[in-house]
Protein backbone atom coordinates (compact mmCIF):
# COMPACT_ATOMS: atom_id res chain seq x y z
CA MET A 1 0.00 0.00 0.00
CA ALA A 2 1.39 3.42 -0.95
CA GLN A 3 2.29 5.63 1.97
CA LEU A 4 0.72 9.07 2.18
CA ARG A 5 3.16 11.84 1.34
CA ILE A 6 3.91 13.62 4.59
CA PRO A 7 4.32 17.39 4.06
CA LEU A 8 7.49 17.64 6.08
CA ASP A 9 11.11 18.38 5.26
CA ALA A 10 14.11 19.82 7.07
CA GLN A 11 13.04 23.42 6.44
CA ARG A 12 9.55 22.98 7.87
CA PHE A 13 10.74 20.73 10.67
CA ALA A 14 13.16 23.43 11.83
CA LYS A 15 10.20 25.77 12.43
CA GLY A 16 8.82 23.47 15.13
CA LEU A 17 9.51 24.10 18.79
CA THR A 18 12.17 22.24 20.68
CA TRP A 19 10.85 20.49 23.79
CA LYS A 20 12.43 23.21 25.96
CA ASP A 21 10.78 25.99 23.93
CA TYR A 22 7.45 24.18 23.91
CA MET A 23 7.53 23.91 27.70
CA ALA A 24 8.52 27.57 28.05
CA GLN A 25 5.42 28.84 26.23
CA MET A 26 2.85 26.66 28.03
CA GLY A 27 1.61 29.27 30.49
CA ASP A 28 -0.70 27.96 33.21
CA THR A 29 -0.31 24.34 32.09
CA ARG A 30 3.47 24.36 32.33
CA ALA A 31 3.72 23.34 36.00
CA ARG A 32 1.55 20.25 35.43
CA THR A 33 3.60 19.19 32.42
CA GLU A 34 6.92 19.79 34.19
CA ASP A 35 5.68 17.72 37.14
CA ASN A 36 4.79 14.86 34.81
CA TYR A 37 8.15 15.21 33.08
CA ALA A 38 9.88 14.68 36.43
CA LYS A 39 7.65 11.71 37.33
CA SER A 40 7.78 9.95 33.95
CA ALA A 41 11.54 9.43 33.68
CA LEU A 42 12.49 6.24 31.84
CA THR A 43 13.44 3.10 33.74
CA PRO A 44 17.00 1.78 33.24
CA ASP A 45 15.67 -0.92 30.90
CA GLU A 46 13.72 1.62 28.84
CA SER A 47 16.72 3.95 28.66
CA LYS A 48 18.92 1.08 27.50
CA PHE A 49 16.51 0.11 24.74
CA PHE A 50 15.84 3.61 23.39
CA SER A 51 19.49 4.66 23.61
CA GLY A 52 20.26 1.75 21.28
CA ILE A 53 17.98 3.13 18.55
CA SER A 54 20.13 4.98 16.01
CA GLN A 55 17.81 4.88 13.00
CA VAL A 56 15.43 7.58 14.28
CA ARG A 57 16.73 10.97 13.17
CA TYR A 58 13.61 13.13 13.54
CA ALA A 59 10.55 13.01 15.78
CA LEU A 60 7.48 15.13 15.14
CA MET A 61 5.06 15.78 18.00
CA LEU A 62 1.61 17.28 17.57
CA ALA A 63 0.25 18.89 20.73
CA GLU A 64 -1.93 21.63 22.23
CA ASN A 65 -1.43 23.26 25.62
CA TRP A 66 -5.00 22.65 26.84
CA CYS A 67 -5.02 18.87 26.33
CA GLY A 68 -4.81 16.62 29.39
CA ASP A 69 -3.33 13.73 27.41
CA VAL A 70 -0.60 16.11 26.23
CA HIS A 71 0.20 17.15 29.84
CA ARG A 72 0.38 13.51 30.88
CA ASN A 73 2.04 11.80 27.91
CA SER A 74 4.15 14.32 25.99
CA PRO A 75 6.75 14.36 28.83
CA LEU A 76 7.27 10.60 28.49
CA LEU A 77 7.58 10.96 24.71
CA ALA A 78 10.18 13.70 25.24
CA HIS A 79 12.17 11.36 27.50
CA ILE A 80 12.08 8.68 24.79
CA CYS A 81 13.30 11.10 22.12
CA GLU A 82 16.03 12.42 24.41
CA ALA A 83 17.25 8.86 25.02
CA MET A 84 17.76 8.27 21.27
CA SER A 85 21.14 9.84 20.57
CA ASN A 86 20.44 10.85 16.94
CA CYS A 87 16.87 12.04 17.46
CA ASP A 88 15.82 15.67 17.03
CA LEU A 89 12.33 16.33 18.46
CA ARG A 90 10.17 19.25 17.34
CA VAL A 91 6.69 20.11 18.57
CA PHE A 92 3.98 21.54 16.32
CA PHE A 93 0.57 22.85 17.37
CA ARG A 94 -2.08 20.55 15.95
CA ASP A 95 -4.63 23.23 15.12
CA GLN A 96 -2.10 25.43 13.32
CA ASN A 97 -1.00 22.54 11.10
CA PRO A 98 -4.16 20.97 9.66
CA ASP A 99 -2.25 19.17 6.88
CA LEU A 100 -0.17 17.31 9.46
CA ARG A 101 -3.13 16.81 11.79
CA ASP A 102 -5.22 15.17 9.08
CA ILE A 103 -2.51 12.66 8.14
CA PHE A 104 -2.11 11.43 11.72
CA LEU A 105 -5.72 10.85 12.76
CA ASN A 106 -6.63 8.25 15.37
CA ASN A 107 -9.45 6.24 13.76
CA GLY A 108 -10.83 9.51 12.39
CA TYR A 109 -10.27 11.51 15.60
CA GLN A 110 -7.82 14.40 16.00
CA SER A 111 -6.20 12.84 19.07
CA ILE A 112 -3.06 14.27 20.66
CA PRO A 113 -0.29 13.95 21.52
CA VAL A 114 0.97 12.33 18.34
CA VAL A 115 4.62 11.36 17.95
CA VAL A 116 5.95 10.26 14.57
CA PHE A 117 9.46 8.90 14.09
CA PHE A 118 11.40 9.41 10.84
CA ASP A 119 14.72 8.24 9.48
CA LYS A 120 17.31 10.59 7.98
CA ASP A 121 15.49 10.58 4.62
CA TRP A 122 12.09 11.49 6.13
CA ASN A 123 10.69 7.99 5.76
CA GLU A 124 8.23 7.30 8.56
CA ILE A 125 9.43 4.58 10.92
CA GLY A 126 6.38 4.56 13.17
CA ARG A 127 3.89 6.58 15.19
CA TRP A 128 2.18 6.53 18.57
CA ILE A 129 -0.99 8.45 19.42
CA GLU A 130 -2.68 9.87 22.53
CA ARG A 131 -2.23 7.38 25.39
CA ALA A 132 -1.53 3.75 26.21
CA HIS A 133 -4.36 1.24 25.76
CA ALA A 134 -4.27 0.61 29.52
CA ALA A 135 -4.75 4.33 30.14
CA THR A 136 -7.72 4.46 27.75
CA ALA A 137 -9.41 1.66 29.70
CA LYS A 138 -8.78 3.44 33.02
CA ALA A 139 -9.99 6.79 31.65
CA SER A 140 -13.17 5.25 30.24
CA GLY A 141 -14.07 3.76 33.62
CA ILE A 142 -13.38 7.04 35.42
CA ARG A 143 -15.42 9.03 32.88
CA ALA A 144 -18.38 6.68 33.34
CA ARG A 145 -18.30 7.29 37.11
CA THR A 146 -17.82 11.07 36.90
CA VAL A 147 -18.64 13.06 33.77
CA ASP A 148 -21.16 10.60 32.31
CA ALA A 149 -22.92 10.18 35.66
CA ALA A 150 -23.18 13.91 36.44
CA PRO A 151 -26.40 15.89 35.93
CA PRO A 152 -26.45 17.94 32.72
CA ASP A 153 -26.21 21.42 34.27
CA LYS A 154 -22.93 23.24 33.64
CA ALA A 155 -21.72 23.61 37.23
CA LYS A 156 -22.11 19.90 37.97
CA GLN A 157 -20.54 18.93 34.64
CA ASP A 158 -17.57 21.24 35.32
CA ALA A 159 -17.14 19.74 38.79
CA ALA A 160 -17.35 16.23 37.35
CA MET A 161 -14.75 17.06 34.70
CA ALA A 162 -12.39 18.40 37.36
CA GLU A 163 -12.86 15.20 39.35
CA TYR A 164 -12.28 13.12 36.22
CA ARG A 165 -8.95 14.89 35.57
CA THR A 166 -7.88 14.45 39.20
CA GLN A 167 -8.65 10.72 39.16
CA VAL A 168 -6.93 10.14 35.80
CA GLN A 169 -3.79 11.92 37.01
CA ALA A 170 -3.87 9.81 40.18
CA GLU A 171 -3.68 6.69 37.99
CA TYR A 172 -0.52 8.05 36.36
CA ASP A 173 0.91 8.87 39.80
CA VAL A 174 0.66 5.29 41.09
CA PRO A 175 4.15 4.26 42.27
CA GLY A 176 6.20 2.91 39.39
CA GLY A 177 4.11 4.86 36.85
CA PRO A 178 2.35 1.82 35.32
CA LEU A 179 0.53 3.90 32.68
CA TRP A 180 3.78 5.55 31.59
CA ARG A 181 5.45 2.15 31.52
CA ALA A 182 2.62 0.88 29.32
CA ALA A 183 3.08 3.82 26.94
CA ALA A 184 6.85 3.33 26.77
CA ASN A 185 6.30 -0.35 26.01
CA GLU A 186 3.88 0.47 23.19
CA VAL A 187 6.38 2.87 21.61
CA ARG A 188 9.08 0.22 22.02
CA LEU A 189 6.91 -2.37 20.24
CA VAL A 190 6.27 0.03 17.34
CA LEU A 191 9.99 0.61 16.87
CA GLU A 192 10.89 -3.07 17.30
CA GLN A 193 8.35 -4.11 14.67
CA ARG A 194 9.20 -1.40 12.16
CA LEU A 195 12.97 -1.75 12.55
CA GLY A 196 12.94 -5.55 12.69
CA LEU A 197 14.53 -5.58 16.13
CA ALA A 198 12.24 -8.21 17.64
CA ALA A 199 13.50 -10.83 15.17
CA LYS A 200 17.14 -10.16 16.14
CA LYS A 201 16.70 -10.97 19.83
């Protein structure tokens, strides 16, 4: 199957924000993201695996400051990119880049964060979107108990959404960071499969 042409080259990529610059412009969501960055550090095993990946030269991340999944998962993705010695990560705002957004949909949805890995010739190696499958299952259960169960008036819905966010973050904060570990493992599997690493073990 022919691969979609991704409208990205070195010139456009250079216009994206480095992780440091992305964090610097976040405003009132910066503290949350920095906290998750500190908590989501890679395990020694994860660091060893990702530091051994030399084929990834560029990583594109799509994000928006207001998105909870971005606050929770973009820090882990930044750690992964930082562990890969040849990898240059740049962050682009999803809504300012509709051509990129529409190529990396999640079953038709504009989910974020998106991370896409490329080799030195801009061939896509693989992508990972939004959150780990384990986190989706947890979030769905929490939403059913909070937002979906709340009365329809705005005040109660707002309170339920705040509670939803608190409970989801608490799942990420469980000792050992099981939801971050699940995400790191999913990214690892993508790279292993696309680079043929699993067969070499």
